C-alpha atoms as a PDB file:
ATOM      1  CA  MET A   1     -16.510  28.089  54.263  1.00  0.00           C
ATOM      2  CA  GLY A   2     -15.196  27.809  50.698  1.00  0.00           C
ATOM      3  CA  LEU A   3     -16.310  25.474  47.937  1.00  0.00           C
ATOM      4  CA  CYS A   4     -17.665  21.995  48.424  1.00  0.00           C
ATOM      5  CA  LEU A   5     -18.379  19.849  45.378  1.00  0.00           C
ATOM      6  CA  LEU A   6     -21.950  18.526  45.311  1.00  0.00           C
ATOM      7  CA  ASN A   7     -21.971  16.673  41.989  1.00  0.00           C
ATOM      8  CA  SER A   8     -21.261  16.926  38.303  1.00  0.00           C
ATOM      9  CA  GLU A   9     -23.000  16.370  34.993  1.00  0.00           C
ATOM     10  CA  LEU A  10     -21.771  15.780  31.460  1.00  0.00           C
ATOM     11  CA  ILE A  11     -24.131  16.537  28.595  1.00  0.00           C
ATOM     12  CA  HIS A  12     -23.023  15.177  25.227  1.00  0.00           C
ATOM     13  CA  LEU A  13     -24.312  16.928  22.154  1.00  0.00           C
ATOM     14  CA  ASP A  14     -25.094  14.975  18.975  1.00  0.00           C
ATOM     15  CA  LYS A  15     -22.975  11.958  18.116  1.00  0.00           C
ATOM     16  CA  GLY A  16     -20.046  12.790  15.877  1.00  0.00           C
ATOM     17  CA  THR A  17     -19.827  16.429  16.991  1.00  0.00           C
ATOM     18  CA  TYR A  18     -17.534  15.662  19.978  1.00  0.00           C
ATOM     19  CA  MET A  19     -19.196  18.625  21.688  1.00  0.00           C
ATOM     20  CA  PHE A  20     -20.252  18.559  25.321  1.00  0.00           C
ATOM     21  CA  ILE A  21     -21.261  20.689  28.281  1.00  0.00           C
ATOM     22  CA  ASP A  22     -19.561  19.867  31.568  1.00  0.00           C
ATOM     23  CA  ILE A  23     -21.173  21.133  34.767  1.00  0.00           C
ATOM     24  CA  LEU A  24     -19.835  21.094  38.311  1.00  0.00           C
ATOM     25  CA  HIS A  25     -22.184  22.025  41.158  1.00  0.00           C
ATOM     26  CA  PHE A  26     -20.758  23.405  44.409  1.00  0.00           C
ATOM     27  CA  THR A  27     -22.011  24.787  47.692  1.00  0.00           C
ATOM     28  CA  VAL A  28     -20.602  28.111  48.848  1.00  0.00           C
ATOM     29  CA  GLY A  29     -20.699  29.803  52.213  1.00  0.00           C
ATOM     30  CA  PRO A  30     -23.276  32.481  53.004  1.00  0.00           C
ATOM     31  CA  GLU A  31     -20.437  34.885  53.795  1.00  0.00           C
ATOM     32  CA  ASP A  32     -18.714  34.381  50.405  1.00  0.00           C
ATOM     33  CA  ASP A  33     -19.059  37.228  47.930  1.00  0.00           C
ATOM     34  CA  ASP A  34     -18.720  36.726  44.166  1.00  0.00           C
ATOM     35  CA  GLN A  35     -15.007  37.549  44.085  1.00  0.00           C
ATOM     36  CA  SER A  36     -14.139  35.097  46.875  1.00  0.00           C
ATOM     37  CA  CYS A  37     -16.292  32.418  45.195  1.00  0.00           C
ATOM     38  CA  LEU A  38     -14.414  32.879  41.909  1.00  0.00           C
ATOM     39  CA  GLU A  39     -11.042  32.889  43.700  1.00  0.00           C
ATOM     40  CA  SER A  40     -11.932  29.667  45.524  1.00  0.00           C
ATOM     41  CA  LEU A  41     -13.056  28.060  42.276  1.00  0.00           C
ATOM     42  CA  ILE A  42      -9.883  28.957  40.374  1.00  0.00           C
ATOM     43  CA  GLY A  43      -7.705  27.765  43.249  1.00  0.00           C
ATOM     44  CA  SER A  44      -9.492  24.449  43.713  1.00  0.00           C
ATOM     45  CA  SER A  45      -8.376  21.069  42.409  1.00  0.00           C
ATOM     46  CA  TRP A  46     -11.778  20.803  40.692  1.00  0.00           C
ATOM     47  CA  TYR A  47     -10.750  23.628  38.381  1.00  0.00           C
ATOM     48  CA  CYS A  48      -7.724  21.681  37.113  1.00  0.00           C
ATOM     49  CA  HIS A  49      -9.593  19.942  34.308  1.00  0.00           C
ATOM     50  CA  THR A  50      -8.156  19.552  30.813  1.00  0.00           C
ATOM     51  CA  TYR A  51     -11.543  18.662  29.268  1.00  0.00           C
ATOM     52  CA  ALA A  52      -9.589  16.272  27.033  1.00  0.00           C
ATOM     53  CA  ALA A  53      -9.425  13.327  29.454  1.00  0.00           C
ATOM     54  CA  PRO A  54     -11.599  11.844  32.191  1.00  0.00           C
ATOM     55  CA  PHE A  55     -11.611  14.021  35.275  1.00  0.00           C
ATOM     56  CA  ASP A  56     -10.758  12.814  38.760  1.00  0.00           C
ATOM     57  CA  PRO A  57     -10.716  15.679  41.307  1.00  0.00           C
ATOM     58  CA  ASP A  58      -9.094  13.376  43.877  1.00  0.00           C
ATOM     59  CA  GLN A  59      -6.066  12.805  41.666  1.00  0.00           C
ATOM     60  CA  ALA A  60      -2.971  14.703  42.777  1.00  0.00           C
ATOM     61  CA  ILE A  61      -2.606  17.958  40.859  1.00  0.00           C
ATOM     62  CA  SER A  62       0.836  18.719  39.564  1.00  0.00           C
ATOM     63  CA  GLU A  63       1.866  22.290  39.041  1.00  0.00           C
ATOM     64  CA  PRO A  64       1.793  24.042  36.747  1.00  0.00           C
ATOM     65  CA  ALA A  65      -1.853  23.002  36.553  1.00  0.00           C
ATOM     66  CA  ILE A  66      -4.015  23.110  33.429  1.00  0.00           C
ATOM     67  CA  HIS A  67      -7.551  24.384  32.990  1.00  0.00           C
ATOM     68  CA  GLY A  68      -8.960  23.800  29.513  1.00  0.00           C
ATOM     69  CA  LYS A  69      -6.569  25.236  26.941  1.00  0.00           C
ATOM     70  CA  TRP A  70      -4.621  27.344  29.431  1.00  0.00           C
ATOM     71  CA  TRP A  71      -2.263  27.201  32.359  1.00  0.00           C
ATOM     72  CA  ARG A  72      -4.429  27.747  35.427  1.00  0.00           C
ATOM     73  CA  SER A  73      -1.969  30.367  36.705  1.00  0.00           C
ATOM     74  CA  ASN A  74      -3.026  32.627  33.805  1.00  0.00           C
ATOM     75  CA  ILE A  75      -6.695  32.608  34.806  1.00  0.00           C
ATOM     76  CA  THR A  76      -7.646  35.302  37.286  1.00  0.00           C
ATOM     77  CA  VAL A  77     -10.873  36.647  38.733  1.00  0.00           C
ATOM     78  CA  GLN A  78     -10.408  39.739  36.557  1.00  0.00           C
ATOM     79  CA  LEU A  79     -10.953  37.581  33.437  1.00  0.00           C
ATOM     80  CA  PHE A  80     -14.539  36.865  34.521  1.00  0.00           C
ATOM     81  CA  GLU A  81     -17.037  39.369  33.134  1.00  0.00           C
ATOM     82  CA  SER A  82     -20.619  39.799  34.267  1.00  0.00           C
ATOM     83  CA  TRP A  83     -22.992  38.414  31.601  1.00  0.00           C
ATOM     84  CA  SER A  84     -26.710  38.345  31.036  1.00  0.00           C
ATOM     85  CA  PRO A  85     -28.432  34.956  31.010  1.00  0.00           C
ATOM     86  CA  LYS A  86     -30.129  35.859  27.714  1.00  0.00           C
ATOM     87  CA  ALA A  87     -26.773  36.532  26.025  1.00  0.00           C
ATOM     88  CA  ALA A  88     -25.337  33.297  27.474  1.00  0.00           C
ATOM     89  CA  VAL A  89     -28.254  31.192  26.208  1.00  0.00           C
ATOM     90  CA  SER A  90     -27.942  32.806  22.788  1.00  0.00           C
ATOM     91  CA  LEU A  91     -24.196  32.142  22.680  1.00  0.00           C
ATOM     92  CA  LEU A  92     -24.617  28.456  23.619  1.00  0.00           C
ATOM     93  CA  GLU A  93     -27.453  27.912  21.161  1.00  0.00           C
ATOM     94  CA  ASP A  94     -25.337  29.485  18.413  1.00  0.00           C
ATOM     95  CA  TRP A  95     -22.293  27.426  19.462  1.00  0.00           C
ATOM     96  CA  ALA A  96     -24.319  24.207  19.374  1.00  0.00           C
ATOM     97  CA  ASP A  97     -25.834  24.717  15.927  1.00  0.00           C
ATOM     98  CA  ASN A  98     -23.753  27.096  13.857  1.00  0.00           C
ATOM     99  CA  GLN A  99     -20.469  25.358  13.256  1.00  0.00           C
ATOM    100  CA  ASN A 100     -18.569  24.774  10.036  1.00  0.00           C
ATOM    101  CA  TRP A 101     -20.367  21.475   9.424  1.00  0.00           C
ATOM    102  CA  ASN A 102     -20.062  19.489   6.191  1.00  0.00           C
ATOM    103  CA  ASP A 103     -23.828  19.956   5.884  1.00  0.00           C
ATOM    104  CA  PRO A 104     -24.506  23.707   6.194  1.00  0.00           C
ATOM    105  CA  ASN A 105     -28.115  22.954   7.230  1.00  0.00           C
ATOM    106  CA  TYR A 106     -27.092  20.688  10.122  1.00  0.00           C
ATOM    107  CA  ARG A 107     -28.480  21.521  13.560  1.00  0.00           C
ATOM    108  CA  GLN A 108     -28.276  19.569  16.820  1.00  0.00           C
ATOM    109  CA  SER A 109     -31.190  17.188  17.276  1.00  0.00           C
ATOM    110  CA  PRO A 110     -34.335  18.241  19.167  1.00  0.00           C
ATOM    111  CA  GLU A 111     -33.327  15.714  21.877  1.00  0.00           C
ATOM    112  CA  THR A 112     -29.992  17.461  22.305  1.00  0.00           C
ATOM    113  CA  HIS A 113     -31.677  20.855  22.602  1.00  0.00           C
ATOM    114  CA  GLN A 114     -33.985  19.323  25.226  1.00  0.00           C
ATOM    115  CA  ARG A 115     -30.928  18.105  27.205  1.00  0.00           C
ATOM    116  CA  MET A 116     -29.532  21.651  27.083  1.00  0.00           C
ATOM    117  CA  ASN A 117     -32.609  23.249  28.701  1.00  0.00           C
ATOM    118  CA  PRO A 118     -31.476  22.560  32.305  1.00  0.00           C
ATOM    119  CA  VAL A 119     -28.187  24.315  31.463  1.00  0.00           C
ATOM    120  CA  PHE A 120     -30.142  27.373  30.380  1.00  0.00           C
ATOM    121  CA  SER A 121     -31.989  27.323  33.714  1.00  0.00           C
ATOM    122  CA  LEU A 122     -28.669  27.269  35.586  1.00  0.00           C
ATOM    123  CA  LEU A 123     -27.508  30.314  33.638  1.00  0.00           C
ATOM    124  CA  LYS A 124     -30.490  32.176  35.125  1.00  0.00           C
ATOM    125  CA  SER A 125     -29.846  31.066  38.714  1.00  0.00           C
ATOM    126  CA  GLY A 126     -27.982  34.029  40.154  1.00  0.00           C
ATOM    127  CA  HIS A 127     -25.060  36.246  39.245  1.00  0.00           C
ATOM    128  CA  LEU A 128     -23.580  35.074  35.951  1.00  0.00           C
ATOM    129  CA  TYR A 129     -19.973  35.454  34.824  1.00  0.00           C
ATOM    130  CA  LYS A 130     -18.248  34.456  31.587  1.00  0.00           C
ATOM    131  CA  LEU A 131     -14.549  33.711  31.362  1.00  0.00           C
ATOM    132  CA  ASN A 132     -12.819  35.978  28.854  1.00  0.00           C
ATOM    133  CA  ASN A 133     -10.466  33.328  27.542  1.00  0.00           C
ATOM    134  CA  PRO A 134      -6.780  34.108  27.989  1.00  0.00           C
ATOM    135  CA  GLY A 135      -4.896  34.610  24.744  1.00  0.00           C
ATOM    136  CA  PRO A 136      -2.968  31.949  22.832  1.00  0.00           C
ATOM    137  CA  GLU A 137       0.263  32.970  24.584  1.00  0.00           C
ATOM    138  CA  HIS A 138      -1.218  31.424  27.758  1.00  0.00           C
ATOM    139  CA  GLU A 139      -2.060  28.053  26.187  1.00  0.00           C
ATOM    140  CA  HIS A 140      -0.276  24.871  27.230  1.00  0.00           C
ATOM    141  CA  ASP A 141       1.620  22.633  24.790  1.00  0.00           C
ATOM    142  CA  TRP A 142      -1.294  20.429  23.706  1.00  0.00           C
ATOM    143  CA  SER A 143      -4.167  22.907  23.960  1.00  0.00           C
ATOM    144  CA  TYR A 144      -5.011  22.286  20.307  1.00  0.00           C
ATOM    145  CA  VAL A 145      -6.849  19.039  21.160  1.00  0.00           C
ATOM    146  CA  ILE A 146      -9.877  20.877  22.587  1.00  0.00           C
ATOM    147  CA  GLY A 147     -11.958  23.888  21.730  1.00  0.00           C
ATOM    148  CA  HIS A 148     -12.116  23.589  17.936  1.00  0.00           C
ATOM    149  CA  THR A 149     -15.768  24.643  18.146  1.00  0.00           C
ATOM    150  CA  GLY A 150     -15.077  27.116  20.943  1.00  0.00           C
ATOM    151  CA  PHE A 151     -14.478  27.109  24.685  1.00  0.00           C
ATOM    152  CA  HIS A 152     -17.256  28.837  26.621  1.00  0.00           C
ATOM    153  CA  GLU A 153     -17.085  28.971  30.390  1.00  0.00           C
ATOM    154  CA  PHE A 154     -19.735  30.402  32.680  1.00  0.00           C
ATOM    155  CA  VAL A 155     -20.003  30.580  36.454  1.00  0.00           C
ATOM    156  CA  ALA A 156     -23.445  31.058  37.979  1.00  0.00           C
ATOM    157  CA  ILE A 157     -23.409  32.069  41.652  1.00  0.00           C
ATOM    158  CA  ASP A 158     -26.735  31.700  43.431  1.00  0.00           C
ATOM    159  CA  HIS A 159     -26.336  33.233  46.880  1.00  0.00           C
ATOM    160  CA  ALA A 160     -29.957  32.489  47.831  1.00  0.00           C
ATOM    161  CA  SER A 161     -29.345  28.725  47.600  1.00  0.00           C
ATOM    162  CA  HIS A 162     -25.598  28.924  48.451  1.00  0.00           C
ATOM    163  CA  LYS A 163     -24.668  27.259  45.145  1.00  0.00           C
ATOM    164  CA  LEU A 164     -22.121  27.855  42.430  1.00  0.00           C
ATOM    165  CA  HIS A 165     -22.332  26.183  39.012  1.00  0.00           C
ATOM    166  CA  LEU A 166     -19.310  25.932  36.699  1.00  0.00           C
ATOM    167  CA  ILE A 167     -20.549  25.403  33.129  1.00  0.00           C
ATOM    168  CA  VAL A 168     -18.059  24.658  30.328  1.00  0.00           C
ATOM    169  CA  ALA A 169     -19.155  24.118  26.722  1.00  0.00           C
ATOM    170  CA  THR A 170     -16.448  22.806  24.409  1.00  0.00           C
ATOM    171  CA  ASP A 171     -15.308  19.776  22.417  1.00  0.00           C
ATOM    172  CA  ASP A 172     -12.472  17.279  22.380  1.00  0.00           C
END
């Protein structure tokens, strides 16, 4: 069956941080295993997102395509590592609060942490994978405009509900 986009969400963190979590929700076929789900995701036009500009999956994709800081052609299924939801939640909480802020005591607002809770639920909704980011030699020419606070990508595959969730936490 392959991937079918259901909807998307964009969660902005506190004003002035330029940090956000972008989520794409897909349906997957009951016959699709994790590897074929990841292959379909990487090969889809929905994966060609720079995270530095508004995203339109219906726009024609020119090759070589970009995903985040990298050329899409340098992202393979082998770069996705199985992760525990607990470690993923911890990583995103740390990413959200422990940056090199001007105020060393700064933390995201309680409202922002509340908006992040549904993301944490998604991380627990099936098999979880984290992208091991390709090295700087695989970055495109203007990759420096995103990811100053980090680029964290997770894919949660929930075979019971036939859903896949692409979760990217970064900044622009």
